[in-house]
Structure formats: C-alpha cells, structure tokens
C-alpha cells in the first residue's frame, strides 16, 4: 500500500519548521512518515534525514510530499539527482504550495520548469555579485571579499617550532588544527 511520506526542512536551528509540518499533515502525511531537519539545503552534506528518507523511507508507489521545491534542494543538479533517485524507486513527488505532482505529465513538466527557473535565478544572482566585485575592483577598491582574518599567530607557531616542538604539539598547545600548523610551516 502506498503512503504519503513528508519531508520538512529549514536552514537554521532558530527557524520555525512547524508551518511546514502542519501543511504536510494537512496533505495526508502521518506522523510516523514525517522526516524533518534543520540544516542548510545548499547541498546534501549533513542532511541525514533526507538520506534516510531516500534510502529506507520511501518505496515503490509512495509519494514524497514537500511544501516547496527549495525545501528539497537549492541547486538544479541536486534537485535532478533526488528526482532521479525517486524515479528509480518509482516514487512520485508532490509539492503542495507549487501544484507539482510528478505522477502526471503536467506535474513533471512544471517540476522541470520550476527547477530550471530556480537555477537561472541562482546564476543571475552569481552574475550580479561578480559584476559588483568587478566594478569595485575597476574603481581601484579592494575586493569586499577578503576572507576571514587570520586566527593563528604565525610568529608563535614559528617560535614553538624553533624550540623543537612537533606540529602536533604546537597545534595542541595553541588549540588549532594540526593541518593549520603545517600550512604555516610550509609557507
């Protein structure tokens, strides 16, 4: 018997996920078939609930229910990979707020169109950001993206190394990663 399997996600620990959960319940998702997590959707790293859902949570004939496509993935590639996994398992995708149901030809078309539009918006945002950086550089300004300031005292690393301490001991005494100590010593 097929089931409605729900997935809710918000990016931050302080964000409220309850409205998504309520919408999924209204769509027919039972509590035992609800997967939720508070983690960024920019990639699948750290999204353990999504991985569990995709590997063991859905089976042939089920419908994966989400509220919006961006709850499932933020990139077209990731969205397509997830969609491919669902197709292989013969699981349909239902997106409640965007009227997508991949069990219909129209739903599959709309799914692909919205995914492409989302990717297009991401590319436009990147292009505008690049234009802003290039404009700042053309005016002789330094890039606004300088990176994080150094948190390791290079002089201290060199002093400890000169005293004969190993990179592991230097890292431990300074409370930093050993790889960071090696990076400073190899410069």
N, C-alpha and C. Protein backbone atom coordinates (compact mmCIF):
# COMPACT_ATOMS: atom_id res chain seq x y z
N UNK A 1 0.84 -1.19 0.00
CA UNK A 1 0.00 0.00 0.00
C UNK A 1 0.88 1.25 0.00
N UNK A 2 0.58 2.18 -0.87
CA UNK A 2 1.40 3.39 -0.96
C UNK A 2 1.08 4.35 0.19
N UNK A 3 2.09 5.13 0.53
CA UNK A 3 1.99 6.08 1.65
C UNK A 3 2.42 7.46 1.19
N UNK A 4 1.96 8.46 1.92
CA UNK A 4 2.47 9.81 1.76
C UNK A 4 3.62 9.96 2.75
N UNK A 5 4.80 10.27 2.24
CA UNK A 5 5.99 10.45 3.06
C UNK A 5 6.34 11.94 3.03
N UNK A 6 6.45 12.58 4.17
CA UNK A 6 6.69 14.01 4.21
C UNK A 6 8.11 14.37 4.57
N UNK A 7 8.58 15.47 3.99
CA UNK A 7 9.91 15.99 4.31
C UNK A 7 9.81 17.49 4.52
N UNK A 8 10.26 17.93 5.69
CA UNK A 8 10.28 19.36 6.03
C UNK A 8 11.70 19.74 6.38
N UNK A 9 12.12 20.95 5.91
CA UNK A 9 13.47 21.42 6.20
C UNK A 9 13.49 22.93 6.31
N UNK A 10 14.22 23.40 7.30
CA UNK A 10 14.57 24.81 7.40
C UNK A 10 16.08 24.90 7.52
N UNK A 11 16.63 26.05 7.16
CA UNK A 11 18.09 26.19 7.11
C UNK A 11 18.73 26.37 8.48
N UNK A 12 18.08 27.08 9.37
CA UNK A 12 18.71 27.41 10.65
C UNK A 12 18.00 26.80 11.84
N UNK A 13 18.76 26.59 12.88
CA UNK A 13 18.22 25.98 14.10
C UNK A 13 17.14 26.84 14.75
N UNK A 14 17.19 28.16 14.51
CA UNK A 14 16.22 29.06 15.13
C UNK A 14 14.98 29.27 14.27
N UNK A 15 14.98 28.74 13.05
CA UNK A 15 13.83 28.90 12.18
C UNK A 15 12.72 27.94 12.57
N UNK A 16 11.49 28.34 12.32
CA UNK A 16 10.33 27.55 12.70
C UNK A 16 9.94 26.60 11.57
N UNK A 17 9.87 25.34 11.89
CA UNK A 17 9.54 24.30 10.91
C UNK A 17 8.07 23.88 11.02
N UNK A 18 7.40 24.38 12.04
CA UNK A 18 6.04 23.93 12.36
C UNK A 18 5.03 24.18 11.24
N UNK A 19 5.14 25.28 10.50
CA UNK A 19 4.17 25.55 9.43
C UNK A 19 4.29 24.50 8.32
N UNK A 20 5.51 24.07 8.04
CA UNK A 20 5.70 23.02 7.04
C UNK A 20 5.09 21.71 7.52
N UNK A 21 5.34 21.38 8.77
CA UNK A 21 4.82 20.13 9.34
C UNK A 21 3.29 20.13 9.30
N UNK A 22 2.69 21.26 9.66
CA UNK A 22 1.22 21.36 9.63
C UNK A 22 0.70 21.18 8.21
N UNK A 23 1.37 21.78 7.23
CA UNK A 23 0.95 21.65 5.83
C UNK A 23 1.08 20.21 5.35
N UNK A 24 2.14 19.53 5.76
CA UNK A 24 2.33 18.14 5.36
C UNK A 24 1.26 17.24 5.98
N UNK A 25 0.91 17.52 7.22
CA UNK A 25 -0.16 16.74 7.87
C UNK A 25 -1.49 16.95 7.15
N UNK A 26 -1.76 18.22 6.78
CA UNK A 26 -3.00 18.51 6.03
C UNK A 26 -3.01 17.78 4.69
N UNK A 27 -1.84 17.55 4.13
CA UNK A 27 -1.74 16.84 2.84
C UNK A 27 -1.88 15.33 2.99
N UNK A 28 -1.96 14.85 4.22
CA UNK A 28 -2.17 13.43 4.44
C UNK A 28 -0.97 12.65 4.95
N UNK A 29 0.09 13.35 5.34
CA UNK A 29 1.28 12.66 5.85
C UNK A 29 1.04 12.30 7.32
N UNK A 30 1.26 11.04 7.65
CA UNK A 30 1.12 10.58 9.04
C UNK A 30 2.41 10.87 9.80
N UNK A 31 2.29 11.00 11.10
CA UNK A 31 3.43 11.34 11.96
C UNK A 31 4.60 10.39 11.77
N UNK A 32 4.34 9.10 11.64
CA UNK A 32 5.42 8.12 11.50
C UNK A 32 6.11 8.18 10.15
N UNK A 33 5.55 8.93 9.21
CA UNK A 33 6.15 9.07 7.88
C UNK A 33 6.64 10.49 7.63
N UNK A 34 6.97 11.20 8.70
CA UNK A 34 7.41 12.58 8.59
C UNK A 34 8.89 12.69 8.93
N UNK A 35 9.66 13.23 8.00
CA UNK A 35 11.09 13.44 8.19
C UNK A 35 11.32 14.95 8.24
N UNK A 36 12.11 15.39 9.21
CA UNK A 36 12.35 16.82 9.34
C UNK A 36 13.76 17.07 9.82
N UNK A 37 14.32 18.20 9.36
CA UNK A 37 15.65 18.58 9.81
C UNK A 37 15.86 20.07 9.66
N UNK A 38 16.79 20.56 10.46
CA UNK A 38 17.17 21.97 10.44
C UNK A 38 18.63 22.04 10.01
N UNK A 39 18.80 22.17 8.69
CA UNK A 39 20.14 22.17 8.10
C UNK A 39 20.06 22.86 6.74
N UNK A 40 21.15 23.45 6.31
CA UNK A 40 21.18 24.15 5.03
C UNK A 40 20.83 23.21 3.89
N UNK A 41 20.18 23.76 2.87
CA UNK A 41 19.81 22.96 1.71
C UNK A 41 20.69 23.19 0.50
N UNK A 42 21.81 23.88 0.70
CA UNK A 42 22.67 24.18 -0.45
C UNK A 42 23.31 22.93 -1.03
N UNK A 43 23.47 21.90 -0.22
CA UNK A 43 23.92 20.61 -0.73
C UNK A 43 23.38 19.53 0.20
N UNK A 44 23.74 18.29 -0.05
CA UNK A 44 23.17 17.18 0.74
C UNK A 44 24.03 16.81 1.94
N UNK A 45 25.16 17.49 2.10
CA UNK A 45 26.04 17.19 3.22
C UNK A 45 25.33 17.51 4.55
N UNK A 46 25.33 16.55 5.44
CA UNK A 46 24.73 16.75 6.75
C UNK A 46 23.22 16.59 6.78
N UNK A 47 22.62 16.26 5.67
CA UNK A 47 21.16 16.10 5.62
C UNK A 47 20.80 14.64 5.83
N UNK A 48 21.00 14.19 7.05
CA UNK A 48 20.82 12.77 7.38
C UNK A 48 19.39 12.30 7.23
N UNK A 49 18.43 13.15 7.57
CA UNK A 49 17.02 12.75 7.43
C UNK A 49 16.65 12.55 5.97
N UNK A 50 17.14 13.42 5.09
CA UNK A 50 16.87 13.26 3.66
C UNK A 50 17.50 11.97 3.16
N UNK A 51 18.72 11.69 3.56
CA UNK A 51 19.39 10.45 3.11
C UNK A 51 18.63 9.23 3.61
N UNK A 52 18.20 9.26 4.87
CA UNK A 52 17.42 8.14 5.42
C UNK A 52 16.13 7.96 4.64
N UNK A 53 15.47 9.06 4.36
CA UNK A 53 14.21 9.02 3.61
C UNK A 53 14.44 8.40 2.23
N UNK A 54 15.48 8.85 1.55
CA UNK A 54 15.73 8.36 0.19
C UNK A 54 16.21 6.92 0.15
N UNK A 55 16.90 6.47 1.19
CA UNK A 55 17.42 5.10 1.16
C UNK A 55 16.46 4.08 1.75
N UNK A 56 15.79 4.46 2.85
CA UNK A 56 14.92 3.49 3.53
C UNK A 56 13.50 3.97 3.75
N UNK A 57 13.25 5.26 3.56
CA UNK A 57 11.95 5.81 3.93
C UNK A 57 10.87 5.73 2.88
N UNK A 58 11.26 5.58 1.63
CA UNK A 58 10.26 5.51 0.56
C UNK A 58 10.38 4.20 -0.18
N UNK A 59 9.24 3.74 -0.69
CA UNK A 59 9.26 2.52 -1.50
C UNK A 59 8.28 2.70 -2.67
N UNK A 60 8.34 1.78 -3.59
CA UNK A 60 7.56 1.84 -4.82
C UNK A 60 6.10 2.22 -4.54
N UNK A 61 5.63 3.22 -5.28
CA UNK A 61 4.23 3.64 -5.17
C UNK A 61 3.99 4.76 -4.17
N UNK A 62 4.97 5.05 -3.30
CA UNK A 62 4.80 6.13 -2.32
C UNK A 62 4.85 7.49 -3.01
N UNK A 63 4.40 8.51 -2.28
CA UNK A 63 4.50 9.89 -2.75
C UNK A 63 5.28 10.67 -1.71
N UNK A 64 6.36 11.31 -2.15
CA UNK A 64 7.13 12.19 -1.28
C UNK A 64 6.46 13.56 -1.34
N UNK A 65 6.07 14.07 -0.17
CA UNK A 65 5.34 15.33 -0.11
C UNK A 65 6.22 16.38 0.56
N UNK A 66 6.37 17.52 -0.11
CA UNK A 66 7.10 18.67 0.45
C UNK A 66 6.24 19.91 0.21
N UNK A 67 6.57 20.99 0.88
CA UNK A 67 5.77 22.21 0.70
C UNK A 67 6.25 23.03 -0.50
N UNK A 68 7.58 23.15 -0.69
CA UNK A 68 8.16 23.91 -1.80
C UNK A 68 9.42 23.20 -2.27
N UNK A 69 9.75 23.36 -3.54
CA UNK A 69 10.93 22.70 -4.10
C UNK A 69 12.21 23.08 -3.37
N UNK A 70 12.31 24.34 -2.92
CA UNK A 70 13.56 24.75 -2.26
C UNK A 70 13.75 24.09 -0.90
N UNK A 71 12.74 23.44 -0.38
CA UNK A 71 12.89 22.66 0.85
C UNK A 71 13.65 21.37 0.57
N UNK A 72 13.58 20.90 -0.68
CA UNK A 72 14.24 19.66 -1.06
C UNK A 72 15.66 19.90 -1.55
N UNK A 73 15.86 20.95 -2.35
CA UNK A 73 17.19 21.22 -2.91
C UNK A 73 17.26 22.66 -3.37
N UNK A 74 18.48 23.21 -3.37
CA UNK A 74 18.70 24.59 -3.81
C UNK A 74 19.37 24.67 -5.17
N UNK A 75 19.89 23.56 -5.67
CA UNK A 75 20.53 23.58 -6.99
C UNK A 75 19.79 22.61 -7.91
N UNK A 76 19.80 22.93 -9.19
CA UNK A 76 19.14 22.09 -10.18
C UNK A 76 19.79 20.70 -10.21
N UNK A 77 21.09 20.67 -10.09
CA UNK A 77 21.78 19.37 -10.11
C UNK A 77 21.33 18.48 -8.96
N UNK A 78 21.29 19.04 -7.76
CA UNK A 78 20.86 18.27 -6.60
C UNK A 78 19.40 17.86 -6.74
N UNK A 79 18.58 18.79 -7.20
CA UNK A 79 17.16 18.50 -7.41
C UNK A 79 16.98 17.38 -8.42
N UNK A 80 17.73 17.43 -9.51
CA UNK A 80 17.64 16.37 -10.52
C UNK A 80 18.14 15.03 -9.99
N UNK A 81 19.21 15.05 -9.18
CA UNK A 81 19.71 13.80 -8.59
C UNK A 81 18.66 13.18 -7.68
N UNK A 82 18.02 14.00 -6.87
CA UNK A 82 16.97 13.49 -5.98
C UNK A 82 15.80 12.96 -6.80
N UNK A 83 15.42 13.72 -7.83
CA UNK A 83 14.31 13.29 -8.69
C UNK A 83 14.64 11.96 -9.37
N UNK A 84 15.89 11.80 -9.80
CA UNK A 84 16.32 10.55 -10.43
C UNK A 84 16.18 9.38 -9.45
N UNK A 85 16.63 9.59 -8.22
CA UNK A 85 16.50 8.56 -7.18
C UNK A 85 15.04 8.19 -6.98
N UNK A 86 14.18 9.19 -6.92
CA UNK A 86 12.75 8.93 -6.73
C UNK A 86 12.17 8.16 -7.92
N UNK A 87 12.55 8.55 -9.15
CA UNK A 87 12.05 7.84 -10.33
C UNK A 87 12.50 6.38 -10.32
N UNK A 88 13.76 6.14 -9.96
CA UNK A 88 14.26 4.75 -9.90
C UNK A 88 13.47 3.93 -8.90
N UNK A 89 13.05 4.53 -7.81
CA UNK A 89 12.29 3.83 -6.79
C UNK A 89 10.79 3.83 -7.10
N UNK A 90 10.41 4.48 -8.21
CA UNK A 90 9.00 4.62 -8.61
C UNK A 90 8.19 5.32 -7.53
N UNK A 91 8.77 6.43 -7.06
CA UNK A 91 8.13 7.28 -6.06
C UNK A 91 7.83 8.63 -6.71
N UNK A 92 6.60 9.12 -6.54
CA UNK A 92 6.23 10.41 -7.10
C UNK A 92 6.50 11.52 -6.10
N UNK A 93 6.66 12.73 -6.61
CA UNK A 93 6.91 13.90 -5.79
C UNK A 93 5.71 14.82 -5.86
N UNK A 94 5.24 15.26 -4.71
CA UNK A 94 4.13 16.20 -4.62
C UNK A 94 4.62 17.42 -3.88
N UNK A 95 4.46 18.60 -4.50
CA UNK A 95 4.86 19.86 -3.88
C UNK A 95 3.59 20.66 -3.67
N UNK A 96 3.18 20.80 -2.41
CA UNK A 96 1.86 21.35 -2.11
C UNK A 96 1.68 22.81 -2.49
N UNK A 97 2.65 23.66 -2.24
CA UNK A 97 2.49 25.09 -2.50
C UNK A 97 2.76 25.48 -3.94
N UNK A 98 3.26 24.55 -4.75
CA UNK A 98 3.59 24.87 -6.14
C UNK A 98 2.83 23.99 -7.13
N UNK A 99 1.84 23.28 -6.65
CA UNK A 99 0.96 22.47 -7.51
C UNK A 99 1.73 21.53 -8.42
N UNK A 100 2.72 20.85 -7.85
CA UNK A 100 3.51 19.88 -8.62
C UNK A 100 3.14 18.48 -8.14
N UNK A 101 2.87 17.60 -9.10
CA UNK A 101 2.65 16.19 -8.81
C UNK A 101 3.27 15.43 -9.97
N UNK A 102 4.42 14.79 -9.74
CA UNK A 102 5.15 14.15 -10.84
C UNK A 102 4.50 12.86 -11.33
N UNK A 103 3.34 12.52 -10.76
CA UNK A 103 2.62 11.35 -11.31
C UNK A 103 1.88 11.72 -12.59
N UNK A 104 1.82 13.03 -12.90
CA UNK A 104 1.16 13.48 -14.13
C UNK A 104 2.19 14.10 -15.08
N UNK A 105 1.94 14.06 -16.38
CA UNK A 105 2.87 14.69 -17.34
C UNK A 105 3.00 16.19 -17.08
N UNK A 106 1.90 16.84 -16.74
CA UNK A 106 1.94 18.28 -16.45
C UNK A 106 2.79 18.57 -15.24
N UNK A 107 2.66 17.73 -14.22
CA UNK A 107 3.43 17.89 -12.98
C UNK A 107 4.92 17.74 -13.22
N UNK A 108 5.29 16.77 -14.07
CA UNK A 108 6.71 16.58 -14.40
C UNK A 108 7.24 17.78 -15.17
N UNK A 109 6.45 18.31 -16.09
CA UNK A 109 6.86 19.49 -16.84
C UNK A 109 7.04 20.68 -15.91
N UNK A 110 6.09 20.90 -15.05
CA UNK A 110 6.15 22.04 -14.13
C UNK A 110 7.33 21.89 -13.16
N UNK A 111 7.59 20.67 -12.72
CA UNK A 111 8.73 20.40 -11.85
C UNK A 111 10.03 20.83 -12.54
N UNK A 112 10.21 20.40 -13.78
CA UNK A 112 11.42 20.75 -14.52
C UNK A 112 11.52 22.24 -14.80
N UNK A 113 10.38 22.87 -15.11
CA UNK A 113 10.38 24.31 -15.37
C UNK A 113 10.78 25.08 -14.12
N UNK A 114 10.17 24.76 -12.98
CA UNK A 114 10.49 25.47 -11.75
C UNK A 114 11.93 25.24 -11.32
N UNK A 115 12.40 24.01 -11.49
CA UNK A 115 13.81 23.73 -11.17
C UNK A 115 14.74 24.54 -12.03
N UNK A 116 14.44 24.65 -13.32
CA UNK A 116 15.27 25.43 -14.23
C UNK A 116 15.22 26.92 -13.89
N UNK A 117 14.05 27.41 -13.54
CA UNK A 117 13.92 28.83 -13.15
C UNK A 117 14.72 29.10 -11.88
N UNK A 118 14.65 28.20 -10.92
CA UNK A 118 15.41 28.38 -9.68
C UNK A 118 16.91 28.41 -9.96
N UNK A 119 17.37 27.52 -10.84
CA UNK A 119 18.79 27.52 -11.18
C UNK A 119 19.17 28.80 -11.93
N UNK A 120 18.29 29.26 -12.81
CA UNK A 120 18.51 30.51 -13.53
C UNK A 120 18.64 31.68 -12.57
N UNK A 121 17.76 31.73 -11.56
CA UNK A 121 17.84 32.80 -10.56
C UNK A 121 19.17 32.75 -9.80
N UNK A 122 19.62 31.56 -9.47
CA UNK A 122 20.90 31.41 -8.78
C UNK A 122 22.04 31.93 -9.65
N UNK A 123 22.02 31.58 -10.94
CA UNK A 123 23.06 32.04 -11.85
C UNK A 123 23.03 33.56 -12.02
N UNK A 124 21.83 34.15 -12.09
CA UNK A 124 21.71 35.61 -12.17
C UNK A 124 22.28 36.28 -10.93
N UNK A 125 21.98 35.72 -9.78
CA UNK A 125 22.49 36.26 -8.51
C UNK A 125 24.02 36.22 -8.50
N UNK A 126 24.60 35.11 -8.95
CA UNK A 126 26.05 34.99 -9.01
C UNK A 126 26.65 36.01 -9.97
N UNK A 127 25.99 36.20 -11.12
CA UNK A 127 26.49 37.14 -12.12
C UNK A 127 26.44 38.57 -11.59
N UNK A 128 25.35 38.94 -10.90
CA UNK A 128 25.26 40.28 -10.32
C UNK A 128 26.32 40.49 -9.25
N UNK A 129 26.57 39.47 -8.47
CA UNK A 129 27.61 39.56 -7.44
C UNK A 129 28.97 39.77 -8.10
N UNK A 130 29.25 39.00 -9.14
CA UNK A 130 30.52 39.12 -9.85
C UNK A 130 30.67 40.51 -10.47
N UNK A 131 29.57 41.05 -11.04
CA UNK A 131 29.59 42.40 -11.62
C UNK A 131 29.93 43.43 -10.55
N UNK A 132 29.36 43.29 -9.36
CA UNK A 132 29.64 44.21 -8.27
C UNK A 132 31.09 44.16 -7.83
N UNK A 133 31.63 42.97 -7.75
CA UNK A 133 33.04 42.81 -7.38
C UNK A 133 33.94 43.42 -8.45
N UNK A 134 33.63 43.11 -9.73
CA UNK A 134 34.43 43.66 -10.82
C UNK A 134 34.36 45.19 -10.85
N UNK A 135 33.18 45.75 -10.59
CA UNK A 135 33.02 47.21 -10.57
C UNK A 135 33.85 47.83 -9.45
N UNK A 136 33.85 47.19 -8.28
CA UNK A 136 34.64 47.70 -7.15
C UNK A 136 36.13 47.65 -7.48
N UNK A 137 36.56 46.57 -8.09
CA UNK A 137 37.97 46.43 -8.45
C UNK A 137 38.36 47.44 -9.53
N UNK A 138 37.44 47.70 -10.48
CA UNK A 138 37.73 48.66 -11.55
C UNK A 138 37.89 50.08 -11.00
N UNK A 139 37.22 50.37 -9.90
CA UNK A 139 37.32 51.70 -9.28
C UNK A 139 38.54 51.79 -8.36
N UNK A 140 39.32 50.74 -8.34
CA UNK A 140 40.53 50.75 -7.54
C UNK A 140 40.33 50.33 -6.10
N UNK A 141 39.15 49.90 -5.79
CA UNK A 141 38.88 49.44 -4.42
C UNK A 141 39.33 47.99 -4.27
N UNK A 142 39.67 47.66 -3.07
CA UNK A 142 39.99 46.26 -2.79
C UNK A 142 38.69 45.46 -2.81
N UNK A 143 38.81 44.21 -3.10
CA UNK A 143 37.63 43.36 -3.12
C UNK A 143 36.98 43.36 -1.73
N UNK A 144 35.65 43.42 -1.68
CA UNK A 144 34.98 43.36 -0.39
C UNK A 144 35.06 41.97 0.23
N UNK A 145 35.52 40.99 -0.56
CA UNK A 145 35.61 39.62 -0.08
C UNK A 145 37.06 39.28 0.22
N UNK A 146 37.47 39.60 1.41
CA UNK A 146 38.87 39.41 1.81
C UNK A 146 39.10 38.09 2.53
N UNK A 147 38.06 37.44 2.89
CA UNK A 147 38.19 36.21 3.66
C UNK A 147 38.24 36.51 5.15
N UNK A 148 38.28 35.48 5.91
CA UNK A 148 38.29 35.60 7.35
C UNK A 148 39.68 36.03 7.83
N UNK A 149 39.75 36.90 8.82
CA UNK A 149 41.07 37.29 9.34
C UNK A 149 41.78 36.10 9.97
N UNK A 150 43.09 36.12 9.93
CA UNK A 150 43.89 35.02 10.49
C UNK A 150 43.65 34.92 11.99
N UNK A 151 43.50 33.71 12.46
CA UNK A 151 43.28 33.49 13.89
C UNK A 151 44.48 32.83 14.56
N UNK A 152 45.49 32.52 13.76
CA UNK A 152 46.68 31.85 14.30
C UNK A 152 47.85 32.82 14.23
N UNK A 153 48.56 32.91 15.31
CA UNK A 153 49.74 33.78 15.38
C UNK A 153 50.92 33.05 14.73
N UNK A 154 51.28 33.49 13.53
CA UNK A 154 52.35 32.85 12.76
C UNK A 154 53.67 32.88 13.53
N UNK A 155 53.95 34.01 14.17
CA UNK A 155 55.20 34.15 14.93
C UNK A 155 55.27 33.11 16.03
N UNK A 156 54.15 32.90 16.72
CA UNK A 156 54.12 31.92 17.81
C UNK A 156 54.36 30.51 17.28
N UNK A 157 53.76 30.18 16.13
CA UNK A 157 53.97 28.86 15.51
C UNK A 157 55.46 28.67 15.21
N UNK A 158 56.08 29.70 14.64
CA UNK A 158 57.50 29.60 14.28
C UNK A 158 58.37 29.49 15.53
N UNK A 159 58.02 30.23 16.59
CA UNK A 159 58.79 30.16 17.84
C UNK A 159 58.74 28.76 18.43
N UNK A 160 57.55 28.21 18.50
CA UNK A 160 57.40 26.87 19.08
C UNK A 160 58.12 25.82 18.24
N UNK A 161 58.06 25.98 16.92
CA UNK A 161 58.74 25.05 16.04
C UNK A 161 60.26 25.15 16.23
N UNK A 162 60.77 26.39 16.40
CA UNK A 162 62.20 26.62 16.63
C UNK A 162 62.65 25.99 17.95
N UNK A 163 61.72 25.90 18.91
CA UNK A 163 62.03 25.28 20.20
C UNK A 163 62.04 23.76 20.11
N UNK A 164 61.69 23.23 18.93
CA UNK A 164 61.74 21.79 18.73
C UNK A 164 60.42 21.07 18.91
N UNK A 165 59.33 21.81 19.10
CA UNK A 165 58.03 21.15 19.25
C UNK A 165 57.54 20.65 17.90
N UNK A 166 56.90 19.50 17.92
CA UNK A 166 56.34 18.91 16.69
C UNK A 166 55.06 19.68 16.32
N UNK A 167 54.66 19.60 15.06
CA UNK A 167 53.42 20.26 14.64
C UNK A 167 52.21 19.81 15.47
N UNK A 168 52.17 18.55 15.85
CA UNK A 168 51.07 18.05 16.67
C UNK A 168 51.05 18.74 18.03
N UNK A 169 52.21 18.87 18.65
CA UNK A 169 52.29 19.52 19.97
C UNK A 169 51.99 21.02 19.86
N UNK A 170 52.45 21.64 18.76
CA UNK A 170 52.16 23.07 18.55
C UNK A 170 50.65 23.26 18.42
N UNK A 171 50.03 22.42 17.61
CA UNK A 171 48.58 22.52 17.40
C UNK A 171 47.83 22.35 18.71
N UNK A 172 48.24 21.37 19.50
CA UNK A 172 47.57 21.11 20.77
C UNK A 172 47.75 22.28 21.73
N UNK A 173 48.95 22.83 21.80
CA UNK A 173 49.20 23.93 22.74
C UNK A 173 48.48 25.22 22.33
N UNK A 174 48.27 25.40 21.03
CA UNK A 174 47.61 26.62 20.56
C UNK A 174 46.10 26.43 20.35
N UNK A 175 45.64 25.18 20.45
CA UNK A 175 44.22 24.92 20.27
C UNK A 175 43.75 25.09 18.83
N UNK A 176 44.60 24.68 17.88
CA UNK A 176 44.27 24.79 16.46
C UNK A 176 44.46 23.44 15.80
N UNK A 177 44.03 23.35 14.56
CA UNK A 177 44.18 22.11 13.81
C UNK A 177 45.64 21.91 13.40
N UNK A 178 46.07 20.67 13.42
CA UNK A 178 47.43 20.35 13.02
C UNK A 178 47.69 20.74 11.57
N UNK A 179 46.67 20.59 10.72
CA UNK A 179 46.82 20.97 9.31
C UNK A 179 47.13 22.47 9.18
N UNK A 180 46.57 23.28 10.07
CA UNK A 180 46.84 24.72 10.03
C UNK A 180 48.30 25.00 10.38
N UNK A 181 48.83 24.27 11.34
CA UNK A 181 50.24 24.44 11.72
C UNK A 181 51.12 24.06 10.55
N UNK A 182 50.84 22.94 9.89
CA UNK A 182 51.62 22.53 8.73
C UNK A 182 51.56 23.60 7.62
N UNK A 183 50.38 24.15 7.43
CA UNK A 183 50.21 25.18 6.40
C UNK A 183 51.12 26.38 6.69
N UNK A 184 51.20 26.80 7.96
CA UNK A 184 52.07 27.93 8.33
C UNK A 184 53.53 27.57 8.19
N UNK A 185 53.88 26.36 8.54
CA UNK A 185 55.30 25.96 8.49
C UNK A 185 55.77 25.77 7.04
N UNK A 186 54.87 25.42 6.14
CA UNK A 186 55.25 25.18 4.75
C UNK A 186 55.28 26.44 3.90
N UNK A 187 54.91 27.58 4.46
CA UNK A 187 54.91 28.83 3.70
C UNK A 187 56.31 29.37 3.54
